[in-house]
Amino acid sequence: MNKLSRRDYRAIFEKHFTIVEEIEIARGLEYQYLTDEIRAELSEYTEQDLLDGKPMFVLRPMQR
């Protein structure tokens, strides 16, 4: 995990791009490994941050 949350990615991208779409990735077996203990240890991250390894955004350059 690179310590960036989905919210962090949005904030970075919004400085230079318009976010056209944020693509939701289907979750697989990794959900079974998110125990209550791990969830508590990483409480500053959302479930989406923890389970979606590669957030996908469709971006458009901002008009200057």
PDB file of N, CA and C in Angstrom:
ATOM      1  N   MET A   1       0.846  -1.175   0.000  1.00  0.00           N
ATOM      2  CA  MET A   1       0.000   0.000   0.000  1.00  0.00           C
ATOM      3  C   MET A   1       0.889   1.235   0.000  1.00  0.00           C
ATOM      4  N   ASN A   2       0.596   2.185  -0.857  1.00  0.00           N
ATOM      5  CA  ASN A   2       1.464   3.354  -0.975  1.00  0.00           C
ATOM      6  C   ASN A   2       1.066   4.506  -0.055  1.00  0.00           C
ATOM      7  N   LYS A   3       0.148   4.263   0.857  1.00  0.00           N
ATOM      8  CA  LYS A   3      -0.298   5.226   1.868  1.00  0.00           C
ATOM      9  C   LYS A   3      -1.167   6.349   1.324  1.00  0.00           C
ATOM     10  N   LEU A   4      -1.459   6.358   0.024  1.00  0.00           N
ATOM     11  CA  LEU A   4      -2.379   7.352  -0.525  1.00  0.00           C
ATOM     12  C   LEU A   4      -3.788   6.783  -0.508  1.00  0.00           C
ATOM     13  N   SER A   5      -4.714   7.567  -0.014  1.00  0.00           N
ATOM     14  CA  SER A   5      -6.109   7.147  -0.032  1.00  0.00           C
ATOM     15  C   SER A   5      -6.732   7.601  -1.348  1.00  0.00           C
ATOM     16  N   ARG A   6      -7.902   7.104  -1.613  1.00  0.00           N
ATOM     17  CA  ARG A   6      -8.617   7.528  -2.823  1.00  0.00           C
ATOM     18  C   ARG A   6      -8.843   9.041  -2.774  1.00  0.00           C
ATOM     19  N   ARG A   7      -9.120   9.557  -1.590  1.00  0.00           N
ATOM     20  CA  ARG A   7      -9.303  11.005  -1.407  1.00  0.00           C
ATOM     21  C   ARG A   7      -8.020  11.761  -1.770  1.00  0.00           C
ATOM     22  N   ASP A   8      -6.851  11.204  -1.413  1.00  0.00           N
ATOM     23  CA  ASP A   8      -5.567  11.821  -1.763  1.00  0.00           C
ATOM     24  C   ASP A   8      -5.385  11.880  -3.279  1.00  0.00           C
ATOM     25  N   TYR A   9      -5.700  10.773  -3.950  1.00  0.00           N
ATOM     26  CA  TYR A   9      -5.601  10.746  -5.414  1.00  0.00           C
ATOM     27  C   TYR A   9      -6.491  11.820  -6.037  1.00  0.00           C
ATOM     28  N   ARG A  10      -7.735  11.918  -5.553  1.00  0.00           N
ATOM     29  CA  ARG A  10      -8.654  12.932  -6.086  1.00  0.00           C
ATOM     30  C   ARG A  10      -8.074  14.336  -5.929  1.00  0.00           C
ATOM     31  N   ALA A  11      -7.548  14.627  -4.747  1.00  0.00           N
ATOM     32  CA  ALA A  11      -7.001  15.965  -4.478  1.00  0.00           C
ATOM     33  C   ALA A  11      -5.835  16.283  -5.407  1.00  0.00           C
ATOM     34  N   ILE A  12      -4.967  15.310  -5.650  1.00  0.00           N
ATOM     35  CA  ILE A  12      -3.827  15.519  -6.557  1.00  0.00           C
ATOM     36  C   ILE A  12      -4.317  15.739  -7.983  1.00  0.00           C
ATOM     37  N   PHE A  13      -5.199  14.854  -8.445  1.00  0.00           N
ATOM     38  CA  PHE A  13      -5.681  14.948  -9.822  1.00  0.00           C
ATOM     39  C   PHE A  13      -6.464  16.232 -10.070  1.00  0.00           C
ATOM     40  N   GLU A  14      -7.276  16.657  -9.093  1.00  0.00           N
ATOM     41  CA  GLU A  14      -8.126  17.835  -9.284  1.00  0.00           C
ATOM     42  C   GLU A  14      -7.343  19.134  -9.441  1.00  0.00           C
ATOM     43  N   LYS A  15      -6.076  19.114  -9.099  1.00  0.00           N
ATOM     44  CA  LYS A  15      -5.246  20.312  -9.290  1.00  0.00           C
ATOM     45  C   LYS A  15      -4.962  20.574 -10.764  1.00  0.00           C
ATOM     46  N   HIS A  16      -4.928  19.514 -11.566  1.00  0.00           N
ATOM     47  CA  HIS A  16      -4.512  19.650 -12.961  1.00  0.00           C
ATOM     48  C   HIS A  16      -5.505  19.075 -13.968  1.00  0.00           C
ATOM     49  N   PHE A  17      -6.486  18.328 -13.481  1.00  0.00           N
ATOM     50  CA  PHE A  17      -7.419  17.642 -14.377  1.00  0.00           C
ATOM     51  C   PHE A  17      -8.845  17.775 -13.879  1.00  0.00           C
ATOM     52  N   THR A  18      -9.773  17.522 -14.775  1.00  0.00           N
ATOM     53  CA  THR A  18     -11.158  17.318 -14.404  1.00  0.00           C
ATOM     54  C   THR A  18     -11.349  15.814 -14.322  1.00  0.00           C
ATOM     55  N   ILE A  19     -11.884  15.339 -13.233  1.00  0.00           N
ATOM     56  CA  ILE A  19     -12.146  13.905 -13.093  1.00  0.00           C
ATOM     57  C   ILE A  19     -13.468  13.626 -13.798  1.00  0.00           C
ATOM     58  N   VAL A  20     -13.379  12.912 -14.908  1.00  0.00           N
ATOM     59  CA  VAL A  20     -14.554  12.594 -15.712  1.00  0.00           C
ATOM     60  C   VAL A  20     -15.291  11.402 -15.116  1.00  0.00           C
ATOM     61  N   GLU A  21     -14.520  10.429 -14.667  1.00  0.00           N
ATOM     62  CA  GLU A  21     -15.127   9.216 -14.134  1.00  0.00           C
ATOM     63  C   GLU A  21     -14.157   8.544 -13.169  1.00  0.00           C
ATOM     64  N   GLU A  22     -14.723   7.925 -12.165  1.00  0.00           N
ATOM     65  CA  GLU A  22     -13.952   7.117 -11.235  1.00  0.00           C
ATOM     66  C   GLU A  22     -14.494   5.700 -11.364  1.00  0.00           C
ATOM     67  N   ILE A  23     -13.658   4.789 -11.834  1.00  0.00           N
ATOM     68  CA  ILE A  23     -14.114   3.447 -12.165  1.00  0.00           C
ATOM     69  C   ILE A  23     -14.014   2.535 -10.945  1.00  0.00           C
ATOM     70  N   GLU A  24     -15.128   1.935 -10.605  1.00  0.00           N
ATOM     71  CA  GLU A  24     -15.175   0.994  -9.492  1.00  0.00           C
ATOM     72  C   GLU A  24     -14.692  -0.361  -9.971  1.00  0.00           C
ATOM     73  N   ILE A  25     -13.793  -0.949  -9.235  1.00  0.00           N
ATOM     74  CA  ILE A  25     -13.221  -2.239  -9.585  1.00  0.00           C
ATOM     75  C   ILE A  25     -13.928  -3.318  -8.775  1.00  0.00           C
ATOM     76  N   ALA A  26     -14.316  -4.396  -9.437  1.00  0.00           N
ATOM     77  CA  ALA A  26     -14.968  -5.501  -8.734  1.00  0.00           C
ATOM     78  C   ALA A  26     -13.995  -6.110  -7.727  1.00  0.00           C
ATOM     79  N   ARG A  27     -14.499  -6.357  -6.558  1.00  0.00           N
ATOM     80  CA  ARG A  27     -13.661  -6.940  -5.505  1.00  0.00           C
ATOM     81  C   ARG A  27     -13.746  -8.455  -5.569  1.00  0.00           C
ATOM     82  N   GLY A  28     -12.643  -9.084  -5.284  1.00  0.00           N
ATOM     83  CA  GLY A  28     -12.591 -10.540  -5.315  1.00  0.00           C
ATOM     84  C   GLY A  28     -12.346 -11.127  -3.950  1.00  0.00           C
ATOM     85  N   LEU A  29     -11.481 -12.084  -3.894  1.00  0.00           N
ATOM     86  CA  LEU A  29     -11.223 -12.827  -2.666  1.00  0.00           C
ATOM     87  C   LEU A  29     -10.520 -12.022  -1.590  1.00  0.00           C
ATOM     88  N   GLU A  30      -9.907 -10.895  -1.945  1.00  0.00           N
ATOM     89  CA  GLU A  30      -9.160 -10.117  -0.948  1.00  0.00           C
ATOM     90  C   GLU A  30     -10.038  -9.660   0.215  1.00  0.00           C
ATOM     91  N   TYR A  31     -11.330  -9.569   0.001  1.00  0.00           N
ATOM     92  CA  TYR A  31     -12.246  -9.122   1.053  1.00  0.00           C
ATOM     93  C   TYR A  31     -12.148 -10.019   2.291  1.00  0.00           C
ATOM     94  N   GLN A  32     -11.902 -11.306   2.092  1.00  0.00           N
ATOM     95  CA  GLN A  32     -11.841 -12.241   3.221  1.00  0.00           C
ATOM     96  C   GLN A  32     -10.663 -11.970   4.152  1.00  0.00           C
ATOM     97  N   TYR A  33      -9.652 -11.241   3.657  1.00  0.00           N
ATOM     98  CA  TYR A  33      -8.467 -10.966   4.470  1.00  0.00           C
ATOM     99  C   TYR A  33      -8.580  -9.674   5.275  1.00  0.00           C
ATOM    100  N   LEU A  34      -9.630  -8.913   5.060  1.00  0.00           N
ATOM    101  CA  LEU A  34      -9.823  -7.667   5.801  1.00  0.00           C
ATOM    102  C   LEU A  34     -10.545  -7.986   7.112  1.00  0.00           C
ATOM    103  N   THR A  35      -9.779  -8.423   8.085  1.00  0.00           N
ATOM    104  CA  THR A  35     -10.344  -8.807   9.378  1.00  0.00           C
ATOM    105  C   THR A  35     -10.635  -7.565  10.210  1.00  0.00           C
ATOM    106  N   ASP A  36     -11.360  -7.742  11.279  1.00  0.00           N
ATOM    107  CA  ASP A  36     -11.658  -6.625  12.183  1.00  0.00           C
ATOM    108  C   ASP A  36     -10.367  -6.033  12.746  1.00  0.00           C
ATOM    109  N   GLU A  37      -9.394  -6.887  13.027  1.00  0.00           N
ATOM    110  CA  GLU A  37      -8.112  -6.424  13.561  1.00  0.00           C
ATOM    111  C   GLU A  37      -7.372  -5.538  12.542  1.00  0.00           C
ATOM    112  N   ILE A  38      -7.320  -5.969  11.324  1.00  0.00           N
ATOM    113  CA  ILE A  38      -6.659  -5.178  10.271  1.00  0.00           C
ATOM    114  C   ILE A  38      -7.424  -3.891  10.020  1.00  0.00           C
ATOM    115  N   ARG A  39      -8.737  -3.991   9.995  1.00  0.00           N
ATOM    116  CA  ARG A  39      -9.581  -2.806   9.779  1.00  0.00           C
ATOM    117  C   ARG A  39      -9.320  -1.763  10.876  1.00  0.00           C
ATOM    118  N   ALA A  40      -9.171  -2.206  12.116  1.00  0.00           N
ATOM    119  CA  ALA A  40      -8.899  -1.287  13.234  1.00  0.00           C
ATOM    120  C   ALA A  40      -7.507  -0.677  13.107  1.00  0.00           C
ATOM    121  N   GLU A  41      -6.536  -1.479  12.720  1.00  0.00           N
ATOM    122  CA  GLU A  41      -5.165  -1.002  12.580  1.00  0.00           C
ATOM    123  C   GLU A  41      -5.035   0.049  11.472  1.00  0.00           C
ATOM    124  N   LEU A  42      -5.839  -0.079  10.437  1.00  0.00           N
ATOM    125  CA  LEU A  42      -5.775   0.835   9.289  1.00  0.00           C
ATOM    126  C   LEU A  42      -7.036   1.697   9.211  1.00  0.00           C
ATOM    127  N   SER A  43      -7.512   2.131  10.359  1.00  0.00           N
ATOM    128  CA  SER A  43      -8.803   2.823  10.444  1.00  0.00           C
ATOM    129  C   SER A  43      -8.859   4.155   9.704  1.00  0.00           C
ATOM    130  N   GLU A  44      -7.703   4.752   9.398  1.00  0.00           N
ATOM    131  CA  GLU A  44      -7.740   6.029   8.676  1.00  0.00           C
ATOM    132  C   GLU A  44      -8.040   5.852   7.185  1.00  0.00           C
ATOM    133  N   TYR A  45      -8.073   4.596   6.729  1.00  0.00           N
ATOM    134  CA  TYR A  45      -8.378   4.303   5.331  1.00  0.00           C
ATOM    135  C   TYR A  45      -9.780   3.727   5.215  1.00  0.00           C
ATOM    136  N   THR A  46     -10.447   4.034   4.110  1.00  0.00           N
ATOM    137  CA  THR A  46     -11.764   3.460   3.870  1.00  0.00           C
ATOM    138  C   THR A  46     -11.611   2.027   3.377  1.00  0.00           C
ATOM    139  N   GLU A  47     -12.689   1.300   3.421  1.00  0.00           N
ATOM    140  CA  GLU A  47     -12.677  -0.067   2.896  1.00  0.00           C
ATOM    141  C   GLU A  47     -12.298  -0.053   1.412  1.00  0.00           C
ATOM    142  N   GLN A  48     -12.782   0.934   0.701  1.00  0.00           N
ATOM    143  CA  GLN A  48     -12.455   1.094  -0.721  1.00  0.00           C
ATOM    144  C   GLN A  48     -10.947   1.287  -0.897  1.00  0.00           C
ATOM    145  N   ASP A  49     -10.330   2.105  -0.050  1.00  0.00           N
ATOM    146  CA  ASP A  49      -8.879   2.313  -0.122  1.00  0.00           C
ATOM    147  C   ASP A  49      -8.123   1.004   0.085  1.00  0.00           C
ATOM    148  N   LEU A  50      -8.589   0.203   1.026  1.00  0.00           N
ATOM    149  CA  LEU A  50      -7.883  -1.019   1.381  1.00  0.00           C
ATOM    150  C   LEU A  50      -8.070  -2.145   0.367  1.00  0.00           C
ATOM    151  N   LEU A  51      -9.220  -2.191  -0.265  1.00  0.00           N
ATOM    152  CA  LEU A  51      -9.520  -3.324  -1.142  1.00  0.00           C
ATOM    153  C   LEU A  51      -9.303  -3.062  -2.625  1.00  0.00           C
ATOM    154  N   ASP A  52      -9.266  -1.824  -3.022  1.00  0.00           N
ATOM    155  CA  ASP A  52      -9.068  -1.503  -4.436  1.00  0.00           C
ATOM    156  C   ASP A  52      -7.611  -1.139  -4.650  1.00  0.00           C
ATOM    157  N   GLY A  53      -6.816  -2.093  -5.071  1.00  0.00           N
ATOM    158  CA  GLY A  53      -5.379  -1.903  -5.202  1.00  0.00           C
ATOM    159  C   GLY A  53      -4.957  -0.895  -6.243  1.00  0.00           C
ATOM    160  N   LYS A  54      -5.765  -0.700  -7.258  1.00  0.00           N
ATOM    161  CA  LYS A  54      -5.390   0.204  -8.343  1.00  0.00           C
ATOM    162  C   LYS A  54      -6.588   1.077  -8.699  1.00  0.00           C
ATOM    163  N   PRO A  55      -6.766   2.174  -7.984  1.00  0.00           N
ATOM    164  CA  PRO A  55      -7.900   3.044  -8.328  1.00  0.00           C
ATOM    165  C   PRO A  55      -7.763   3.535  -9.766  1.00  0.00           C
ATOM    166  N   MET A  56      -8.872   3.585 -10.468  1.00  0.00           N
ATOM    167  CA  MET A  56      -8.848   4.008 -11.872  1.00  0.00           C
ATOM    168  C   MET A  56      -9.670   5.275 -12.047  1.00  0.00           C
ATOM    169  N   PHE A  57      -9.068   6.263 -12.682  1.00  0.00           N
ATOM    170  CA  PHE A  57      -9.730   7.533 -12.946  1.00  0.00           C
ATOM    171  C   PHE A  57      -9.635   7.838 -14.433  1.00  0.00           C
ATOM    172  N   VAL A  58     -10.696   8.403 -14.974  1.00  0.00           N
ATOM    173  CA  VAL A  58     -10.670   8.931 -16.331  1.00  0.00           C
ATOM    174  C   VAL A  58     -10.526  10.440 -16.158  1.00  0.00           C
ATOM    175  N   LEU A  59      -9.468  11.009 -16.731  1.00  0.00           N
ATOM    176  CA  LEU A  59      -9.139  12.426 -16.506  1.00  0.00           C
ATOM    177  C   LEU A  59      -9.161  13.210 -17.798  1.00  0.00           C
ATOM    178  N   ARG A  60      -9.497  14.488 -17.685  1.00  0.00           N
ATOM    179  CA  ARG A  60      -9.444  15.414 -18.818  1.00  0.00           C
ATOM    180  C   ARG A  60      -8.613  16.605 -18.362  1.00  0.00           C
ATOM    181  N   PRO A  61      -7.619  17.034 -19.176  1.00  0.00           N
ATOM    182  CA  PRO A  61      -6.837  18.206 -18.794  1.00  0.00           C
ATOM    183  C   PRO A  61      -7.750  19.409 -18.593  1.00  0.00           C
ATOM    184  N   MET A  62      -7.417  20.215 -17.613  1.00  0.00           N
ATOM    185  CA  MET A  62      -8.187  21.446 -17.367  1.00  0.00           C
ATOM    186  C   MET A  62      -7.938  22.442 -18.489  1.00  0.00           C
ATOM    187  N   GLN A  63      -8.968  23.182 -18.814  1.00  0.00           N
ATOM    188  CA  GLN A  63      -8.834  24.251 -19.804  1.00  0.00           C
ATOM    189  C   GLN A  63      -8.157  25.439 -19.124  1.00  0.00           C
ATOM    190  N   ARG A  64      -7.170  25.975 -19.746  1.00  0.00           N
ATOM    191  CA  ARG A  64      -6.442  27.117 -19.158  1.00  0.00           C
ATOM    192  C   ARG A  64      -6.845  28.400 -19.809  1.00  0.00           C
TER     193      ARG A  64
END
